[in-house]
């Protein structure tokens, strides 16, 4: 199974004054079906609807549907980076409209400050699944698993895109209940230890090594 992420930049910010301050929410199209997105992928509506139903039952209804701030590099949600809780995800035609409450966590406070300063934010869904080539592009398989309906992002072309591209293309495996991709972790450690002047050469070397393994 591969890590699959999709970014939607146009979301609505909702704020509500209360006796103790303000409540912050975001709302908009979190996912889209039966249309080729800018990543060249198509989500069949039946596949997406079935997975959204499971996500609602197992996560949203039980108040454990969380999202992170930024571009996470793996398929699991890191509770230390949680900034919001997804409270609703419903179909509207072939779109899935989501709503999330910004939490009073350290990363949630950053999001609130960004909103107060007028920042334009987007959301990025994150899941796991297989891809099959079709006439419209890469079709997401029936095994699609939604990890989170929305992470909050500002720029889908972030500096970490190189590493994210490897993470997204890499096969992930279950090891005693934990999703692992050891080769990618090694790549990340090498990049982090490399001096800035040698970074471009190191990335090229890692990418060449990565291509040999896929």
N, C-alpha and C. Protein backbone atom coordinates (compact mmCIF):
# COMPACT_ATOMS: atom_id res chain seq x y z
N UNK A 1 0.84 -1.19 0.00
CA UNK A 1 0.00 0.00 0.00
C UNK A 1 0.88 1.25 0.00
N UNK A 2 0.39 2.29 -0.65
CA UNK A 2 1.16 3.53 -0.76
C UNK A 2 0.49 4.64 0.03
N UNK A 3 1.32 5.56 0.54
CA UNK A 3 0.80 6.75 1.18
C UNK A 3 0.25 7.67 0.10
N UNK A 4 -1.00 8.13 0.27
CA UNK A 4 -1.66 8.98 -0.72
C UNK A 4 -2.13 10.26 -0.03
N UNK A 5 -1.66 11.41 -0.52
CA UNK A 5 -2.10 12.69 0.05
C UNK A 5 -2.69 13.56 -1.05
N UNK A 6 -3.72 14.32 -0.72
CA UNK A 6 -4.36 15.23 -1.67
C UNK A 6 -4.59 16.57 -0.97
N UNK A 7 -4.26 17.67 -1.64
CA UNK A 7 -4.40 18.99 -1.04
C UNK A 7 -5.50 19.79 -1.73
N UNK A 8 -6.34 20.43 -0.92
CA UNK A 8 -7.36 21.36 -1.41
C UNK A 8 -7.13 22.69 -0.72
N UNK A 9 -6.94 23.74 -1.50
CA UNK A 9 -6.50 25.01 -0.93
C UNK A 9 -7.64 25.92 -0.50
N UNK A 10 -8.85 25.71 -1.02
CA UNK A 10 -9.94 26.65 -0.77
C UNK A 10 -10.83 26.15 0.37
N UNK A 11 -10.62 26.66 1.58
CA UNK A 11 -11.49 26.32 2.69
C UNK A 11 -11.99 27.59 3.35
N UNK A 12 -13.10 27.46 4.05
CA UNK A 12 -13.73 28.60 4.71
C UNK A 12 -13.39 28.57 6.19
N UNK A 13 -13.03 29.72 6.74
CA UNK A 13 -12.73 29.85 8.17
C UNK A 13 -13.94 30.45 8.87
N UNK A 14 -14.37 29.82 9.96
CA UNK A 14 -15.51 30.30 10.72
C UNK A 14 -15.05 30.62 12.14
N UNK A 15 -15.40 31.80 12.63
CA UNK A 15 -15.08 32.16 14.02
C UNK A 15 -16.37 32.58 14.72
N UNK A 16 -16.44 32.23 15.99
CA UNK A 16 -17.65 32.53 16.77
C UNK A 16 -17.23 33.07 18.13
N UNK A 17 -17.68 34.26 18.46
CA UNK A 17 -17.33 34.87 19.75
C UNK A 17 -18.07 34.17 20.88
N UNK A 18 -17.36 33.92 21.98
CA UNK A 18 -17.95 33.31 23.17
C UNK A 18 -17.56 34.15 24.38
N UNK A 19 -18.10 33.77 25.53
CA UNK A 19 -17.81 34.51 26.76
C UNK A 19 -16.35 34.40 27.15
N UNK A 20 -15.70 33.33 26.71
CA UNK A 20 -14.29 33.11 27.09
C UNK A 20 -13.31 33.38 25.95
N UNK A 21 -13.80 33.84 24.82
CA UNK A 21 -12.90 34.09 23.70
C UNK A 21 -13.57 33.84 22.36
N UNK A 22 -12.92 33.08 21.49
CA UNK A 22 -13.47 32.75 20.17
C UNK A 22 -13.33 31.26 19.88
N UNK A 23 -14.33 30.72 19.21
CA UNK A 23 -14.24 29.36 18.67
C UNK A 23 -13.84 29.46 17.21
N UNK A 24 -12.92 28.61 16.79
CA UNK A 24 -12.43 28.62 15.41
C UNK A 24 -12.79 27.31 14.73
N UNK A 25 -13.29 27.41 13.50
CA UNK A 25 -13.60 26.22 12.71
C UNK A 25 -13.16 26.45 11.27
N UNK A 26 -12.92 25.34 10.57
CA UNK A 26 -12.70 25.41 9.13
C UNK A 26 -13.72 24.51 8.46
N UNK A 27 -14.13 24.89 7.25
CA UNK A 27 -15.16 24.12 6.54
C UNK A 27 -14.90 24.22 5.05
N UNK A 28 -15.17 23.14 4.33
CA UNK A 28 -15.02 23.17 2.89
C UNK A 28 -14.98 21.78 2.30
N UNK A 29 -14.64 21.71 1.02
CA UNK A 29 -14.50 20.42 0.34
C UNK A 29 -13.20 19.77 0.81
N UNK A 30 -13.32 18.64 1.49
CA UNK A 30 -12.14 17.93 1.98
C UNK A 30 -11.67 16.87 0.98
N UNK A 31 -12.64 16.27 0.24
CA UNK A 31 -12.29 15.21 -0.70
C UNK A 31 -13.25 15.26 -1.89
N UNK A 32 -12.77 14.76 -3.06
CA UNK A 32 -13.58 14.76 -4.27
C UNK A 32 -13.49 13.40 -4.97
N UNK A 33 -14.61 12.98 -5.53
CA UNK A 33 -14.68 11.67 -6.20
C UNK A 33 -14.96 11.81 -7.69
N UNK A 34 -14.55 10.78 -8.43
CA UNK A 34 -14.84 10.66 -9.87
C UNK A 34 -14.34 11.85 -10.69
N UNK A 35 -13.25 12.47 -10.26
CA UNK A 35 -12.65 13.55 -11.03
C UNK A 35 -11.13 13.44 -10.90
N UNK A 36 -10.44 13.64 -12.00
CA UNK A 36 -8.98 13.55 -11.98
C UNK A 36 -8.42 14.78 -11.28
N UNK A 37 -7.71 14.58 -10.16
CA UNK A 37 -7.17 15.72 -9.44
C UNK A 37 -5.80 16.12 -10.00
N UNK A 38 -5.19 17.14 -9.42
CA UNK A 38 -3.94 17.66 -9.98
C UNK A 38 -2.77 16.70 -9.77
N UNK A 39 -2.96 15.68 -8.93
CA UNK A 39 -1.94 14.64 -8.78
C UNK A 39 -2.15 13.49 -9.77
N UNK A 40 -3.14 13.65 -10.65
CA UNK A 40 -3.40 12.63 -11.66
C UNK A 40 -4.12 11.41 -11.13
N UNK A 41 -4.81 11.56 -9.96
CA UNK A 41 -5.49 10.43 -9.37
C UNK A 41 -7.00 10.61 -9.40
N UNK A 42 -7.69 9.48 -9.45
CA UNK A 42 -9.15 9.48 -9.45
C UNK A 42 -9.64 8.57 -8.33
N UNK A 43 -10.55 9.09 -7.51
CA UNK A 43 -11.16 8.30 -6.44
C UNK A 43 -12.57 7.90 -6.88
N UNK A 44 -12.83 6.62 -7.15
CA UNK A 44 -14.21 6.21 -7.48
C UNK A 44 -15.14 6.57 -6.33
N UNK A 45 -16.32 7.08 -6.66
CA UNK A 45 -17.23 7.56 -5.62
C UNK A 45 -17.63 6.44 -4.66
N UNK A 46 -17.78 5.20 -5.18
CA UNK A 46 -18.16 4.10 -4.29
C UNK A 46 -17.06 3.81 -3.27
N UNK A 47 -15.81 3.86 -3.72
CA UNK A 47 -14.67 3.62 -2.83
C UNK A 47 -14.59 4.69 -1.75
N UNK A 48 -14.73 5.95 -2.17
CA UNK A 48 -14.61 7.05 -1.23
C UNK A 48 -15.79 7.06 -0.25
N UNK A 49 -16.99 6.81 -0.76
CA UNK A 49 -18.18 6.83 0.10
C UNK A 49 -18.09 5.74 1.17
N UNK A 50 -17.65 4.56 0.78
CA UNK A 50 -17.52 3.45 1.74
C UNK A 50 -16.50 3.78 2.82
N UNK A 51 -15.37 4.36 2.43
CA UNK A 51 -14.32 4.68 3.39
C UNK A 51 -14.71 5.85 4.29
N UNK A 52 -15.42 6.82 3.73
CA UNK A 52 -15.90 7.94 4.54
C UNK A 52 -16.90 7.46 5.58
N UNK A 53 -17.76 6.50 5.22
CA UNK A 53 -18.69 5.93 6.19
C UNK A 53 -17.95 5.27 7.34
N UNK A 54 -16.89 4.52 7.01
CA UNK A 54 -16.09 3.87 8.06
C UNK A 54 -15.42 4.92 8.93
N UNK A 55 -14.88 5.95 8.30
CA UNK A 55 -14.18 7.01 9.03
C UNK A 55 -15.14 7.73 9.98
N UNK A 56 -16.37 7.96 9.51
CA UNK A 56 -17.38 8.58 10.37
C UNK A 56 -17.70 7.71 11.58
N UNK A 57 -17.91 6.43 11.33
CA UNK A 57 -18.30 5.51 12.40
C UNK A 57 -17.19 5.31 13.43
N UNK A 58 -15.97 5.11 12.93
CA UNK A 58 -14.88 4.74 13.83
C UNK A 58 -14.09 5.93 14.39
N UNK A 59 -14.19 7.07 13.75
CA UNK A 59 -13.38 8.20 14.19
C UNK A 59 -14.21 9.44 14.54
N UNK A 60 -14.95 9.99 13.59
CA UNK A 60 -15.69 11.22 13.85
C UNK A 60 -16.73 11.03 14.95
N UNK A 61 -17.54 9.99 14.85
CA UNK A 61 -18.59 9.76 15.85
C UNK A 61 -18.03 9.48 17.24
N UNK A 62 -16.79 9.02 17.30
CA UNK A 62 -16.16 8.72 18.59
C UNK A 62 -15.20 9.82 19.04
N UNK A 63 -15.26 10.95 18.34
CA UNK A 63 -14.45 12.13 18.68
C UNK A 63 -12.95 11.81 18.74
N UNK A 64 -12.48 11.06 17.76
CA UNK A 64 -11.04 10.81 17.67
C UNK A 64 -10.53 10.95 16.23
N UNK A 65 -11.21 11.82 15.49
CA UNK A 65 -10.79 12.13 14.12
C UNK A 65 -9.93 13.39 14.15
N UNK A 66 -8.63 13.22 14.26
CA UNK A 66 -7.73 14.36 14.42
C UNK A 66 -6.93 14.63 13.14
N UNK A 67 -6.43 15.85 13.05
CA UNK A 67 -5.55 16.23 11.95
C UNK A 67 -4.38 17.03 12.49
N UNK A 68 -3.33 17.12 11.71
CA UNK A 68 -2.11 17.81 12.13
C UNK A 68 -1.92 19.12 11.37
N UNK A 69 -1.03 19.94 11.89
CA UNK A 69 -0.60 21.16 11.20
C UNK A 69 0.66 20.84 10.42
N UNK A 70 0.64 21.13 9.12
CA UNK A 70 1.81 20.90 8.29
C UNK A 70 1.67 19.67 7.41
N UNK A 71 2.81 19.26 6.83
CA UNK A 71 2.85 18.14 5.90
C UNK A 71 3.48 16.93 6.59
N UNK A 72 2.71 16.11 7.30
CA UNK A 72 3.27 14.91 7.93
C UNK A 72 3.87 13.99 6.88
N UNK A 73 4.90 13.24 7.28
CA UNK A 73 5.61 12.40 6.31
C UNK A 73 5.30 10.91 6.46
N UNK A 74 4.21 10.58 7.11
CA UNK A 74 3.83 9.18 7.25
C UNK A 74 2.32 9.05 7.36
N UNK A 75 1.80 7.83 7.41
CA UNK A 75 0.36 7.61 7.40
C UNK A 75 -0.33 7.64 8.76
N UNK A 76 0.41 7.81 9.85
CA UNK A 76 -0.22 7.81 11.16
C UNK A 76 -0.29 9.24 11.72
N UNK A 77 -1.30 9.49 12.56
CA UNK A 77 -1.49 10.80 13.17
C UNK A 77 -0.65 10.89 14.44
N UNK A 78 0.19 11.90 14.51
CA UNK A 78 1.03 12.15 15.68
C UNK A 78 0.26 13.07 16.64
N UNK A 79 -0.14 12.55 17.79
CA UNK A 79 -0.96 13.32 18.72
C UNK A 79 -0.27 14.58 19.21
N UNK A 80 1.05 14.59 19.24
CA UNK A 80 1.78 15.78 19.68
C UNK A 80 1.63 16.94 18.71
N UNK A 81 1.29 16.63 17.45
CA UNK A 81 1.17 17.68 16.43
C UNK A 81 -0.28 17.98 16.07
N UNK A 82 -1.23 17.40 16.78
CA UNK A 82 -2.65 17.61 16.47
C UNK A 82 -3.03 19.07 16.67
N UNK A 83 -3.73 19.62 15.69
CA UNK A 83 -4.17 21.02 15.77
C UNK A 83 -5.70 21.16 15.73
N UNK A 84 -6.38 20.11 15.28
CA UNK A 84 -7.83 20.22 15.11
C UNK A 84 -8.49 18.85 15.17
N UNK A 85 -9.80 18.87 15.38
CA UNK A 85 -10.60 17.65 15.38
C UNK A 85 -11.68 17.76 14.31
N UNK A 86 -11.73 16.77 13.43
CA UNK A 86 -12.74 16.78 12.36
C UNK A 86 -14.07 16.37 12.98
N UNK A 87 -15.08 17.21 12.81
CA UNK A 87 -16.37 16.98 13.46
C UNK A 87 -17.46 16.54 12.49
N UNK A 88 -17.20 16.70 11.19
CA UNK A 88 -18.22 16.33 10.20
C UNK A 88 -17.57 16.06 8.86
N UNK A 89 -18.08 15.05 8.16
CA UNK A 89 -17.63 14.74 6.79
C UNK A 89 -18.80 14.09 6.07
N UNK A 90 -19.45 14.86 5.19
CA UNK A 90 -20.68 14.40 4.55
C UNK A 90 -20.62 14.59 3.03
N UNK A 91 -21.29 13.66 2.30
CA UNK A 91 -21.30 13.80 0.84
C UNK A 91 -22.22 14.92 0.38
N UNK A 92 -21.76 15.60 -0.67
CA UNK A 92 -22.59 16.61 -1.33
C UNK A 92 -22.32 16.46 -2.82
N UNK A 93 -23.18 15.71 -3.50
CA UNK A 93 -22.86 15.31 -4.87
C UNK A 93 -21.68 14.36 -4.83
N UNK A 94 -20.64 14.68 -5.57
CA UNK A 94 -19.43 13.85 -5.55
C UNK A 94 -18.30 14.49 -4.75
N UNK A 95 -18.65 15.53 -4.01
CA UNK A 95 -17.72 16.13 -3.07
C UNK A 95 -18.04 15.64 -1.66
N UNK A 96 -17.05 15.72 -0.79
CA UNK A 96 -17.28 15.39 0.61
C UNK A 96 -16.91 16.62 1.43
N UNK A 97 -17.95 17.24 2.02
CA UNK A 97 -17.80 18.48 2.75
C UNK A 97 -17.44 18.17 4.20
N UNK A 98 -16.34 18.76 4.64
CA UNK A 98 -15.88 18.52 6.00
C UNK A 98 -15.89 19.78 6.85
N UNK A 99 -15.93 19.55 8.15
CA UNK A 99 -15.82 20.65 9.09
C UNK A 99 -14.92 20.20 10.24
N UNK A 100 -14.09 21.10 10.72
CA UNK A 100 -13.16 20.76 11.80
C UNK A 100 -13.08 21.89 12.81
N UNK A 101 -12.95 21.51 14.07
CA UNK A 101 -12.81 22.47 15.16
C UNK A 101 -11.34 22.62 15.51
N UNK A 102 -10.85 23.86 15.51
CA UNK A 102 -9.46 24.11 15.90
C UNK A 102 -9.36 23.95 17.42
N UNK A 103 -8.43 23.12 17.85
CA UNK A 103 -8.31 22.80 19.26
C UNK A 103 -7.33 23.74 19.97
N UNK A 104 -7.38 23.75 21.30
CA UNK A 104 -6.52 24.62 22.08
C UNK A 104 -5.23 23.89 22.45
N UNK A 105 -4.66 23.19 21.47
CA UNK A 105 -3.38 22.50 21.63
C UNK A 105 -2.26 23.45 21.20
N UNK A 106 -1.00 23.12 21.45
CA UNK A 106 0.08 24.01 20.98
C UNK A 106 0.01 24.30 19.49
N UNK A 107 -0.24 23.28 18.67
CA UNK A 107 -0.32 23.51 17.23
C UNK A 107 -1.65 24.16 16.85
N UNK A 108 -2.70 23.88 17.61
CA UNK A 108 -3.97 24.54 17.37
C UNK A 108 -3.88 26.03 17.60
N UNK A 109 -3.12 26.42 18.63
CA UNK A 109 -2.93 27.85 18.91
C UNK A 109 -2.19 28.55 17.77
N UNK A 110 -1.27 27.82 17.14
CA UNK A 110 -0.57 28.38 15.98
C UNK A 110 -1.56 28.63 14.85
N UNK A 111 -2.46 27.66 14.61
CA UNK A 111 -3.46 27.81 13.56
C UNK A 111 -4.36 29.00 13.85
N UNK A 112 -4.80 29.15 15.10
CA UNK A 112 -5.65 30.28 15.47
C UNK A 112 -4.95 31.60 15.21
N UNK A 113 -3.68 31.66 15.54
CA UNK A 113 -2.92 32.88 15.30
C UNK A 113 -2.79 33.17 13.81
N UNK A 114 -2.56 32.12 13.02
CA UNK A 114 -2.48 32.29 11.57
C UNK A 114 -3.79 32.84 11.01
N UNK A 115 -4.91 32.30 11.52
CA UNK A 115 -6.23 32.77 11.08
C UNK A 115 -6.42 34.24 11.45
N UNK A 116 -6.06 34.59 12.68
CA UNK A 116 -6.20 35.99 13.13
C UNK A 116 -5.37 36.95 12.28
N UNK A 117 -4.24 36.44 11.78
CA UNK A 117 -3.36 37.28 10.96
C UNK A 117 -3.76 37.27 9.48
N UNK A 118 -4.84 36.56 9.16
CA UNK A 118 -5.35 36.58 7.79
C UNK A 118 -4.70 35.58 6.85
N UNK A 119 -4.03 34.55 7.38
CA UNK A 119 -3.36 33.57 6.54
C UNK A 119 -4.37 32.75 5.73
N UNK A 120 -4.00 32.42 4.51
CA UNK A 120 -4.82 31.56 3.66
C UNK A 120 -4.38 30.11 3.88
N UNK A 121 -5.29 29.29 4.37
CA UNK A 121 -4.96 27.91 4.71
C UNK A 121 -5.68 26.94 3.80
N UNK A 122 -5.13 25.75 3.69
CA UNK A 122 -5.76 24.68 2.92
C UNK A 122 -5.80 23.41 3.75
N UNK A 123 -6.40 22.37 3.20
CA UNK A 123 -6.44 21.08 3.88
C UNK A 123 -5.87 20.00 2.97
N UNK A 124 -5.31 18.98 3.58
CA UNK A 124 -4.73 17.88 2.83
C UNK A 124 -5.16 16.57 3.47
N UNK A 125 -5.87 15.73 2.71
CA UNK A 125 -6.27 14.42 3.22
C UNK A 125 -5.07 13.48 3.13
N UNK A 126 -5.09 12.44 3.96
CA UNK A 126 -3.97 11.51 4.01
C UNK A 126 -4.52 10.10 4.18
N UNK A 127 -4.10 9.18 3.30
CA UNK A 127 -4.59 7.81 3.40
C UNK A 127 -3.61 6.81 2.82
N UNK A 128 -4.02 5.56 2.82
CA UNK A 128 -3.22 4.46 2.29
C UNK A 128 -4.05 3.71 1.27
N UNK A 129 -3.38 3.23 0.21
CA UNK A 129 -4.12 2.45 -0.77
C UNK A 129 -3.27 2.09 -1.96
N UNK A 130 -3.81 1.23 -2.79
CA UNK A 130 -3.13 0.84 -4.02
C UNK A 130 -3.63 1.71 -5.17
N UNK A 131 -2.85 1.76 -6.25
CA UNK A 131 -3.20 2.54 -7.42
C UNK A 131 -3.17 1.65 -8.66
N UNK A 132 -4.19 1.81 -9.51
CA UNK A 132 -4.24 1.08 -10.77
C UNK A 132 -4.33 2.08 -11.92
N UNK A 133 -3.57 1.85 -12.96
CA UNK A 133 -3.61 2.75 -14.12
C UNK A 133 -4.92 2.58 -14.87
N UNK A 134 -5.53 3.71 -15.22
CA UNK A 134 -6.77 3.68 -15.99
C UNK A 134 -6.74 4.74 -17.06
N UNK A 135 -7.80 4.83 -17.85
CA UNK A 135 -7.86 5.78 -18.95
C UNK A 135 -7.86 7.22 -18.44
N UNK A 136 -8.37 7.44 -17.22
CA UNK A 136 -8.44 8.79 -16.67
C UNK A 136 -7.19 9.16 -15.86
N UNK A 137 -6.39 8.17 -15.52
CA UNK A 137 -5.23 8.41 -14.68
C UNK A 137 -5.04 7.26 -13.71
N UNK A 138 -4.40 7.50 -12.59
CA UNK A 138 -4.22 6.49 -11.56
C UNK A 138 -5.49 6.41 -10.71
N UNK A 139 -6.12 5.24 -10.74
CA UNK A 139 -7.37 5.04 -10.00
C UNK A 139 -7.05 4.44 -8.64
N UNK A 140 -7.57 5.07 -7.59
CA UNK A 140 -7.34 4.59 -6.23
C UNK A 140 -8.16 3.31 -6.01
N UNK A 141 -7.49 2.28 -5.46
CA UNK A 141 -8.11 0.97 -5.31
C UNK A 141 -9.14 0.89 -4.19
N UNK A 142 -9.85 -0.23 -4.16
CA UNK A 142 -10.90 -0.46 -3.17
C UNK A 142 -10.34 -0.64 -1.76
N UNK A 143 -9.02 -0.84 -1.66
CA UNK A 143 -8.40 -1.02 -0.34
C UNK A 143 -8.04 0.31 0.31
N UNK A 144 -8.49 1.43 -0.25
CA UNK A 144 -8.15 2.74 0.27
C UNK A 144 -8.57 2.88 1.73
N UNK A 145 -7.63 3.38 2.55
CA UNK A 145 -7.85 3.58 3.99
C UNK A 145 -7.54 5.02 4.32
N UNK A 146 -8.50 5.73 4.89
CA UNK A 146 -8.33 7.15 5.22
C UNK A 146 -7.73 7.29 6.61
N UNK A 147 -6.54 7.88 6.67
CA UNK A 147 -5.87 8.11 7.96
C UNK A 147 -6.41 9.37 8.62
N UNK A 148 -6.54 10.44 7.85
CA UNK A 148 -7.19 11.66 8.32
C UNK A 148 -7.81 12.38 7.14
N UNK A 149 -8.98 12.94 7.36
CA UNK A 149 -9.66 13.66 6.29
C UNK A 149 -9.03 15.01 6.01
N UNK A 150 -8.28 15.54 6.99
CA UNK A 150 -7.72 16.88 6.78
C UNK A 150 -6.57 17.19 7.71
N UNK A 151 -5.39 17.43 7.13
CA UNK A 151 -4.31 18.14 7.80
C UNK A 151 -4.40 19.58 7.33
N UNK A 152 -3.94 20.52 8.14
CA UNK A 152 -3.97 21.92 7.75
C UNK A 152 -2.63 22.30 7.15
N UNK A 153 -2.67 22.86 5.94
CA UNK A 153 -1.44 23.21 5.22
C UNK A 153 -1.55 24.63 4.67
N UNK A 154 -0.41 25.22 4.41
CA UNK A 154 -0.38 26.57 3.82
C UNK A 154 0.11 26.53 2.39
N UNK A 155 1.16 25.74 2.13
CA UNK A 155 1.78 25.70 0.81
C UNK A 155 2.04 24.26 0.41
N UNK A 156 1.27 23.73 -0.54
CA UNK A 156 1.48 22.34 -0.95
C UNK A 156 2.84 22.10 -1.58
N UNK A 157 3.53 23.16 -1.99
CA UNK A 157 4.87 23.01 -2.56
C UNK A 157 5.93 23.36 -1.52
N UNK A 158 5.80 22.80 -0.36
CA UNK A 158 6.71 23.09 0.76
C UNK A 158 8.10 22.54 0.47
N UNK A 159 9.12 23.03 1.19
CA UNK A 159 10.49 22.56 0.98
C UNK A 159 10.67 21.07 1.19
N UNK A 160 9.78 20.44 1.98
CA UNK A 160 9.90 19.02 2.23
C UNK A 160 9.31 18.16 1.12
N UNK A 161 8.93 18.80 0.01
CA UNK A 161 8.27 18.05 -1.06
C UNK A 161 9.13 16.90 -1.57
N UNK A 162 10.45 17.08 -1.58
CA UNK A 162 11.33 16.01 -2.04
C UNK A 162 11.16 14.75 -1.20
N UNK A 163 11.22 14.93 0.12
CA UNK A 163 11.05 13.79 1.02
C UNK A 163 9.64 13.26 0.94
N UNK A 164 8.64 14.16 0.86
CA UNK A 164 7.25 13.72 0.78
C UNK A 164 7.02 12.88 -0.47
N UNK A 165 7.65 13.25 -1.57
CA UNK A 165 7.49 12.49 -2.80
C UNK A 165 7.98 11.07 -2.64
N UNK A 166 9.08 10.90 -1.94
CA UNK A 166 9.59 9.56 -1.67
C UNK A 166 8.64 8.82 -0.74
N UNK A 167 8.17 9.50 0.30
CA UNK A 167 7.28 8.87 1.27
C UNK A 167 6.01 8.40 0.59
N UNK A 168 5.50 9.22 -0.34
CA UNK A 168 4.25 8.88 -1.00
C UNK A 168 4.43 7.70 -1.94
N UNK A 169 5.57 7.60 -2.59
CA UNK A 169 5.80 6.53 -3.55
C UNK A 169 6.26 5.24 -2.92
N UNK A 170 6.67 5.27 -1.67
CA UNK A 170 7.24 4.10 -1.02
C UNK A 170 6.15 3.16 -0.51
N UNK A 171 6.40 1.87 -0.60
CA UNK A 171 5.49 0.89 -0.03
C UNK A 171 5.61 0.89 1.49
N UNK A 172 4.48 0.83 2.18
CA UNK A 172 4.47 0.77 3.63
C UNK A 172 4.03 -0.63 4.06
N UNK A 173 4.55 -1.11 5.17
CA UNK A 173 4.20 -2.45 5.64
C UNK A 173 3.82 -2.38 7.11
N UNK A 174 2.97 -3.32 7.52
CA UNK A 174 2.60 -3.43 8.92
C UNK A 174 3.61 -4.31 9.63
N UNK A 175 4.15 -3.84 10.76
CA UNK A 175 5.09 -4.62 11.56
C UNK A 175 4.60 -4.59 13.00
N UNK A 176 3.93 -5.67 13.41
CA UNK A 176 3.37 -5.76 14.77
C UNK A 176 2.46 -4.57 15.07
N UNK A 177 1.60 -4.23 14.11
CA UNK A 177 0.64 -3.15 14.30
C UNK A 177 1.17 -1.77 14.03
N UNK A 178 2.45 -1.64 13.62
CA UNK A 178 3.04 -0.32 13.35
C UNK A 178 3.40 -0.22 11.88
N UNK A 179 3.01 0.90 11.25
CA UNK A 179 3.36 1.12 9.86
C UNK A 179 4.80 1.60 9.78
N UNK A 180 5.61 0.92 8.98
CA UNK A 180 7.02 1.28 8.90
C UNK A 180 7.49 1.39 7.45
N UNK A 181 8.44 2.26 7.24
CA UNK A 181 9.15 2.34 5.98
C UNK A 181 10.58 2.72 6.34
N UNK A 182 11.37 1.72 6.70
CA UNK A 182 12.69 1.95 7.26
C UNK A 182 13.64 2.65 6.30
N UNK A 183 13.54 2.33 5.01
CA UNK A 183 14.44 2.93 4.03
C UNK A 183 14.25 4.44 3.98
N UNK A 184 12.98 4.87 4.05
CA UNK A 184 12.69 6.30 3.99
C UNK A 184 13.22 7.01 5.23
N UNK A 185 13.10 6.38 6.38
CA UNK A 185 13.63 6.98 7.60
C UNK A 185 15.15 7.19 7.48
N UNK A 186 15.83 6.22 6.86
CA UNK A 186 17.28 6.35 6.66
C UNK A 186 17.58 7.52 5.74
N UNK A 187 16.78 7.66 4.66
CA UNK A 187 16.97 8.77 3.74
C UNK A 187 16.82 10.10 4.49
N UNK A 188 15.79 10.21 5.31
CA UNK A 188 15.54 11.46 6.02
C UNK A 188 16.69 11.81 6.95
N UNK A 189 17.21 10.80 7.65
CA UNK A 189 18.33 11.04 8.56
C UNK A 189 19.55 11.54 7.80
N UNK A 190 19.80 10.96 6.62
CA UNK A 190 20.94 11.39 5.82
C UNK A 190 20.78 12.85 5.39
N UNK A 191 19.58 13.22 4.96
CA UNK A 191 19.33 14.59 4.51
C UNK A 191 19.51 15.58 5.66
N UNK A 192 18.98 15.21 6.84
CA UNK A 192 19.07 16.10 7.99
C UNK A 192 20.51 16.33 8.45
N UNK A 193 21.38 15.34 8.24
CA UNK A 193 22.77 15.44 8.69
C UNK A 193 23.67 16.13 7.67
N UNK A 194 23.17 16.31 6.45
CA UNK A 194 23.99 16.87 5.38
C UNK A 194 24.11 18.39 5.50
N UNK A 195 25.29 18.91 5.26
CA UNK A 195 25.52 20.35 5.27
C UNK A 195 24.79 20.99 4.10
N UNK A 196 24.34 22.23 4.28
CA UNK A 196 23.56 22.92 3.26
C UNK A 196 24.28 22.97 1.91
N UNK A 197 25.58 23.19 1.92
CA UNK A 197 26.34 23.31 0.67
C UNK A 197 26.36 22.00 -0.11
N UNK A 198 26.17 20.89 0.59
CA UNK A 198 26.23 19.57 -0.05
C UNK A 198 24.85 18.95 -0.23
N UNK A 199 23.80 19.73 0.09
CA UNK A 199 22.45 19.18 0.12
C UNK A 199 21.95 18.72 -1.24
N UNK A 200 22.18 19.53 -2.28
CA UNK A 200 21.70 19.18 -3.62
C UNK A 200 22.33 17.87 -4.10
N UNK A 201 23.61 17.73 -3.87
CA UNK A 201 24.31 16.51 -4.30
C UNK A 201 23.80 15.30 -3.52
N UNK A 202 23.56 15.48 -2.21
CA UNK A 202 23.06 14.39 -1.38
C UNK A 202 21.66 13.96 -1.82
N UNK A 203 20.79 14.92 -2.11
CA UNK A 203 19.44 14.60 -2.55
C UNK A 203 19.46 13.83 -3.87
N UNK A 204 20.33 14.25 -4.79
CA UNK A 204 20.43 13.57 -6.07
C UNK A 204 20.89 12.13 -5.87
N UNK A 205 21.85 11.93 -4.96
CA UNK A 205 22.36 10.59 -4.68
C UNK A 205 21.28 9.71 -4.06
N UNK A 206 20.52 10.26 -3.12
CA UNK A 206 19.45 9.51 -2.47
C UNK A 206 18.35 9.16 -3.47
N UNK A 207 18.00 10.13 -4.32
CA UNK A 207 16.95 9.87 -5.31
C UNK A 207 17.36 8.76 -6.27
N UNK A 208 18.62 8.75 -6.67
CA UNK A 208 19.14 7.70 -7.55
C UNK A 208 19.05 6.34 -6.88
N UNK A 209 19.42 6.31 -5.58
CA UNK A 209 19.34 5.08 -4.81
C UNK A 209 17.90 4.61 -4.66
N UNK A 210 16.99 5.58 -4.43
CA UNK A 210 15.58 5.26 -4.28
C UNK A 210 15.00 4.63 -5.55
N UNK A 211 15.38 5.17 -6.71
CA UNK A 211 14.86 4.66 -7.98
C UNK A 211 15.27 3.19 -8.20
N UNK A 212 16.41 2.81 -7.68
CA UNK A 212 16.86 1.42 -7.84
C UNK A 212 16.00 0.45 -7.05
N UNK A 213 15.30 0.96 -6.02
CA UNK A 213 14.58 0.09 -5.10
C UNK A 213 13.09 -0.01 -5.41
N UNK A 214 12.60 0.78 -6.37
CA UNK A 214 11.16 0.73 -6.66
C UNK A 214 10.90 -0.14 -7.88
